[in-house]
Amino acid sequence: MWTRQSVLPEQEPCDFNQTDYAVPQLCAGASDDGQFIYDAVYDVQAAWFVLTALHINPEWGFVESEKRVMLATRAELLAQIAQIEAAPLHWLEN
């Protein structure tokens, strides 16, 4: 199970909705056990999404692993988020 928050617009980024995408955090999620978290932002100048996921050590709280990917479309972002939520450790290791 995941806790999520999102202000991701329904449309792909374009000239008419740049301010909707220029927010500090488009979407974020955390596994219920707190071991995995992700967040996504949109880089307006580079015209890509930046998705970052972390595996947090449950005992000590340090970052076990981190992965960051740049994605061209909203659809790609949503697909990657679905993969993270389905198998976070697998996503981080590949």
N, C-alpha and C. Protein backbone atom coordinates (compact mmCIF):
# COMPACT_ATOMS: atom_id res chain seq x y z
N MET A 1 0.84 -1.18 0.00
CA MET A 1 0.00 0.00 0.00
C MET A 1 0.89 1.24 0.00
N TRP A 2 0.37 2.27 -0.65
CA TRP A 2 1.10 3.53 -0.79
C TRP A 2 0.22 4.70 -0.39
N THR A 3 0.84 5.69 0.19
CA THR A 3 0.19 6.97 0.42
C THR A 3 0.71 7.91 -0.65
N ARG A 4 -0.20 8.58 -1.35
CA ARG A 4 0.19 9.44 -2.48
C ARG A 4 -0.41 10.82 -2.35
N GLN A 5 0.28 11.77 -2.97
CA GLN A 5 -0.31 13.09 -3.18
C GLN A 5 0.09 13.52 -4.58
N SER A 6 -0.81 14.23 -5.25
CA SER A 6 -0.52 14.63 -6.62
C SER A 6 -1.27 15.90 -6.99
N VAL A 7 -0.57 16.76 -7.70
CA VAL A 7 -1.17 17.93 -8.33
C VAL A 7 -0.83 17.90 -9.82
N LEU A 8 -0.57 16.70 -10.32
CA LEU A 8 -0.19 16.50 -11.72
C LEU A 8 -1.35 16.87 -12.63
N PRO A 9 -1.15 17.84 -13.53
CA PRO A 9 -2.23 18.21 -14.46
C PRO A 9 -2.63 17.05 -15.36
N GLU A 10 -3.84 17.11 -15.87
CA GLU A 10 -4.37 16.04 -16.73
C GLU A 10 -3.74 16.03 -18.12
N GLN A 11 -3.25 17.16 -18.58
CA GLN A 11 -2.69 17.26 -19.93
C GLN A 11 -1.16 17.20 -19.87
N GLU A 12 -0.58 16.82 -21.01
CA GLU A 12 0.87 16.89 -21.15
C GLU A 12 1.31 18.35 -21.04
N PRO A 13 2.53 18.61 -20.62
CA PRO A 13 3.02 19.99 -20.56
C PRO A 13 3.00 20.66 -21.94
N CYS A 14 2.60 21.92 -21.97
CA CYS A 14 2.60 22.70 -23.21
C CYS A 14 2.75 24.17 -22.84
N ASP A 15 2.78 25.03 -23.84
CA ASP A 15 2.96 26.47 -23.59
C ASP A 15 1.85 27.05 -22.73
N PHE A 16 0.68 26.46 -22.75
CA PHE A 16 -0.48 27.02 -22.05
C PHE A 16 -0.61 26.59 -20.59
N ASN A 17 0.14 25.57 -20.18
CA ASN A 17 0.00 25.10 -18.80
C ASN A 17 1.33 25.03 -18.04
N GLN A 18 2.31 25.78 -18.46
CA GLN A 18 3.63 25.76 -17.82
C GLN A 18 3.56 26.10 -16.33
N THR A 19 2.70 27.05 -15.95
CA THR A 19 2.62 27.40 -14.52
C THR A 19 2.04 26.25 -13.69
N ASP A 20 1.17 25.45 -14.30
CA ASP A 20 0.63 24.28 -13.59
C ASP A 20 1.72 23.25 -13.29
N TYR A 21 2.71 23.20 -14.17
CA TYR A 21 3.80 22.24 -14.00
C TYR A 21 4.97 22.80 -13.19
N ALA A 22 5.01 24.10 -13.01
CA ALA A 22 6.13 24.75 -12.29
C ALA A 22 5.84 24.82 -10.79
N VAL A 23 5.60 23.67 -10.19
CA VAL A 23 5.36 23.59 -8.75
C VAL A 23 6.50 22.77 -8.12
N PRO A 24 6.76 22.94 -6.84
CA PRO A 24 7.89 22.24 -6.21
C PRO A 24 7.78 20.72 -6.23
N GLN A 25 6.56 20.18 -6.25
CA GLN A 25 6.39 18.73 -6.23
C GLN A 25 5.08 18.39 -6.93
N LEU A 26 5.19 17.74 -8.10
CA LEU A 26 3.98 17.35 -8.84
C LEU A 26 3.28 16.17 -8.19
N CYS A 27 4.05 15.18 -7.81
CA CYS A 27 3.47 14.03 -7.15
C CYS A 27 4.53 13.38 -6.27
N ALA A 28 4.05 12.70 -5.25
CA ALA A 28 4.94 12.04 -4.31
C ALA A 28 4.21 10.85 -3.71
N GLY A 29 4.98 9.89 -3.24
CA GLY A 29 4.38 8.74 -2.61
C GLY A 29 5.33 8.11 -1.62
N ALA A 30 4.76 7.37 -0.69
CA ALA A 30 5.54 6.64 0.31
C ALA A 30 4.86 5.31 0.58
N SER A 31 5.67 4.27 0.68
CA SER A 31 5.12 2.97 1.05
C SER A 31 4.66 3.04 2.50
N ASP A 32 3.68 2.23 2.84
CA ASP A 32 3.13 2.27 4.20
C ASP A 32 4.16 1.96 5.27
N ASP A 33 5.17 1.16 4.93
CA ASP A 33 6.21 0.85 5.91
C ASP A 33 7.30 1.92 5.97
N GLY A 34 7.21 2.92 5.09
CA GLY A 34 8.16 4.02 5.10
C GLY A 34 9.53 3.71 4.51
N GLN A 35 9.68 2.53 3.92
CA GLN A 35 10.98 2.16 3.36
C GLN A 35 11.23 2.74 1.97
N PHE A 36 10.17 3.09 1.25
CA PHE A 36 10.32 3.59 -0.11
C PHE A 36 9.55 4.88 -0.28
N ILE A 37 10.20 5.86 -0.89
CA ILE A 37 9.52 7.12 -1.20
C ILE A 37 9.91 7.55 -2.60
N TYR A 38 9.04 8.32 -3.23
CA TYR A 38 9.36 8.89 -4.54
C TYR A 38 8.74 10.28 -4.64
N ASP A 39 9.31 11.07 -5.54
CA ASP A 39 8.68 12.34 -5.88
C ASP A 39 9.03 12.69 -7.31
N ALA A 40 8.21 13.56 -7.89
CA ALA A 40 8.40 13.96 -9.28
C ALA A 40 8.21 15.47 -9.40
N VAL A 41 9.07 16.05 -10.22
CA VAL A 41 8.97 17.46 -10.56
C VAL A 41 9.09 17.57 -12.07
N TYR A 42 8.76 18.75 -12.59
CA TYR A 42 8.91 19.00 -14.02
C TYR A 42 9.91 20.13 -14.19
N ASP A 43 10.93 19.90 -14.99
CA ASP A 43 11.93 20.91 -15.31
C ASP A 43 11.47 21.63 -16.57
N VAL A 44 10.91 22.81 -16.40
CA VAL A 44 10.33 23.56 -17.53
C VAL A 44 11.39 23.88 -18.57
N GLN A 45 12.58 24.25 -18.14
CA GLN A 45 13.63 24.63 -19.09
C GLN A 45 14.15 23.43 -19.88
N ALA A 46 14.29 22.29 -19.24
CA ALA A 46 14.76 21.09 -19.94
C ALA A 46 13.63 20.34 -20.62
N ALA A 47 12.39 20.64 -20.24
CA ALA A 47 11.19 19.99 -20.79
C ALA A 47 11.18 18.48 -20.52
N TRP A 48 11.45 18.13 -19.26
CA TRP A 48 11.32 16.73 -18.88
C TRP A 48 10.91 16.62 -17.41
N PHE A 49 10.37 15.46 -17.08
CA PHE A 49 10.02 15.14 -15.71
C PHE A 49 11.24 14.53 -15.04
N VAL A 50 11.42 14.82 -13.78
CA VAL A 50 12.48 14.21 -12.98
C VAL A 50 11.80 13.41 -11.87
N LEU A 51 11.99 12.10 -11.92
CA LEU A 51 11.41 11.19 -10.94
C LEU A 51 12.54 10.63 -10.09
N THR A 52 12.41 10.77 -8.79
CA THR A 52 13.43 10.28 -7.85
C THR A 52 12.77 9.32 -6.87
N ALA A 53 13.43 8.19 -6.65
CA ALA A 53 12.94 7.22 -5.67
C ALA A 53 14.08 6.87 -4.72
N LEU A 54 13.71 6.64 -3.47
CA LEU A 54 14.68 6.30 -2.43
C LEU A 54 14.23 5.06 -1.67
N HIS A 55 15.22 4.25 -1.28
CA HIS A 55 14.98 3.14 -0.35
C HIS A 55 15.61 3.57 0.96
N ILE A 56 14.80 3.68 2.00
CA ILE A 56 15.24 4.16 3.31
C ILE A 56 15.42 2.97 4.25
N ASN A 57 16.56 2.92 4.93
CA ASN A 57 16.81 1.88 5.92
C ASN A 57 15.82 2.05 7.06
N PRO A 58 14.99 1.03 7.34
CA PRO A 58 13.95 1.19 8.36
C PRO A 58 14.48 1.30 9.79
N GLU A 59 15.66 0.76 10.03
CA GLU A 59 16.19 0.80 11.40
C GLU A 59 16.95 2.10 11.69
N TRP A 60 17.76 2.55 10.74
CA TRP A 60 18.63 3.70 10.99
C TRP A 60 18.22 4.95 10.24
N GLY A 61 17.37 4.82 9.24
CA GLY A 61 16.86 5.99 8.53
C GLY A 61 17.75 6.55 7.44
N PHE A 62 18.85 5.88 7.13
CA PHE A 62 19.69 6.39 6.05
C PHE A 62 19.23 5.86 4.70
N VAL A 63 19.68 6.49 3.64
CA VAL A 63 19.29 6.11 2.29
C VAL A 63 20.10 4.88 1.87
N GLU A 64 19.39 3.78 1.62
CA GLU A 64 20.03 2.55 1.14
C GLU A 64 20.38 2.66 -0.33
N SER A 65 19.44 3.20 -1.12
CA SER A 65 19.68 3.39 -2.55
C SER A 65 18.79 4.50 -3.06
N GLU A 66 19.23 5.07 -4.18
CA GLU A 66 18.52 6.19 -4.80
C GLU A 66 18.62 6.04 -6.31
N LYS A 67 17.54 6.40 -6.98
CA LYS A 67 17.55 6.37 -8.44
C LYS A 67 16.77 7.57 -8.94
N ARG A 68 17.32 8.22 -9.97
CA ARG A 68 16.67 9.38 -10.56
C ARG A 68 16.62 9.16 -12.07
N VAL A 69 15.45 9.38 -12.66
CA VAL A 69 15.30 9.25 -14.11
C VAL A 69 14.63 10.50 -14.65
N MET A 70 14.97 10.82 -15.90
CA MET A 70 14.35 11.92 -16.60
C MET A 70 13.42 11.33 -17.66
N LEU A 71 12.21 11.83 -17.71
CA LEU A 71 11.18 11.27 -18.59
C LEU A 71 10.57 12.37 -19.45
N ALA A 72 10.26 12.03 -20.69
CA ALA A 72 9.79 13.04 -21.64
C ALA A 72 8.30 13.35 -21.53
N THR A 73 7.50 12.37 -21.11
CA THR A 73 6.05 12.59 -21.14
C THR A 73 5.40 12.25 -19.81
N ARG A 74 4.22 12.78 -19.64
CA ARG A 74 3.39 12.50 -18.46
C ARG A 74 3.07 11.01 -18.40
N ALA A 75 2.76 10.42 -19.55
CA ALA A 75 2.43 9.00 -19.61
C ALA A 75 3.62 8.14 -19.15
N GLU A 76 4.82 8.50 -19.56
CA GLU A 76 6.02 7.78 -19.11
C GLU A 76 6.19 7.92 -17.60
N LEU A 77 5.94 9.11 -17.09
CA LEU A 77 6.04 9.34 -15.64
C LEU A 77 5.08 8.43 -14.89
N LEU A 78 3.83 8.41 -15.31
CA LEU A 78 2.82 7.59 -14.63
C LEU A 78 3.16 6.10 -14.71
N ALA A 79 3.70 5.66 -15.84
CA ALA A 79 4.09 4.26 -15.99
C ALA A 79 5.23 3.91 -15.03
N GLN A 80 6.20 4.79 -14.90
CA GLN A 80 7.32 4.55 -13.98
C GLN A 80 6.85 4.55 -12.52
N ILE A 81 5.94 5.44 -12.18
CA ILE A 81 5.40 5.46 -10.82
C ILE A 81 4.67 4.16 -10.52
N ALA A 82 3.91 3.66 -11.48
CA ALA A 82 3.21 2.37 -11.30
C ALA A 82 4.22 1.25 -11.07
N GLN A 83 5.33 1.27 -11.79
CA GLN A 83 6.36 0.25 -11.60
C GLN A 83 7.00 0.36 -10.21
N ILE A 84 7.25 1.58 -9.77
CA ILE A 84 7.81 1.77 -8.42
C ILE A 84 6.87 1.19 -7.38
N GLU A 85 5.60 1.53 -7.49
CA GLU A 85 4.63 1.08 -6.49
C GLU A 85 4.42 -0.43 -6.53
N ALA A 86 4.58 -1.05 -7.69
CA ALA A 86 4.40 -2.50 -7.81
C ALA A 86 5.60 -3.27 -7.26
N ALA A 87 6.81 -2.77 -7.52
CA ALA A 87 8.03 -3.48 -7.10
C ALA A 87 9.15 -2.47 -6.90
N PRO A 88 9.13 -1.74 -5.79
CA PRO A 88 10.09 -0.65 -5.62
C PRO A 88 11.55 -1.08 -5.61
N LEU A 89 11.87 -2.16 -4.95
CA LEU A 89 13.26 -2.59 -4.90
C LEU A 89 13.75 -3.00 -6.28
N HIS A 90 12.92 -3.70 -7.02
CA HIS A 90 13.27 -4.09 -8.40
C HIS A 90 13.51 -2.85 -9.25
N TRP A 91 12.63 -1.84 -9.14
CA TRP A 91 12.78 -0.62 -9.93
C TRP A 91 14.09 0.09 -9.59
N LEU A 92 14.41 0.16 -8.32
CA LEU A 92 15.63 0.84 -7.90
C LEU A 92 16.89 0.12 -8.36
N GLU A 93 16.83 -1.19 -8.48
CA GLU A 93 18.02 -1.96 -8.86
C GLU A 93 18.22 -2.08 -10.36
N ASN A 94 17.24 -1.67 -11.14
CA ASN A 94 17.37 -1.79 -12.61
C ASN A 94 17.43 -0.44 -13.27
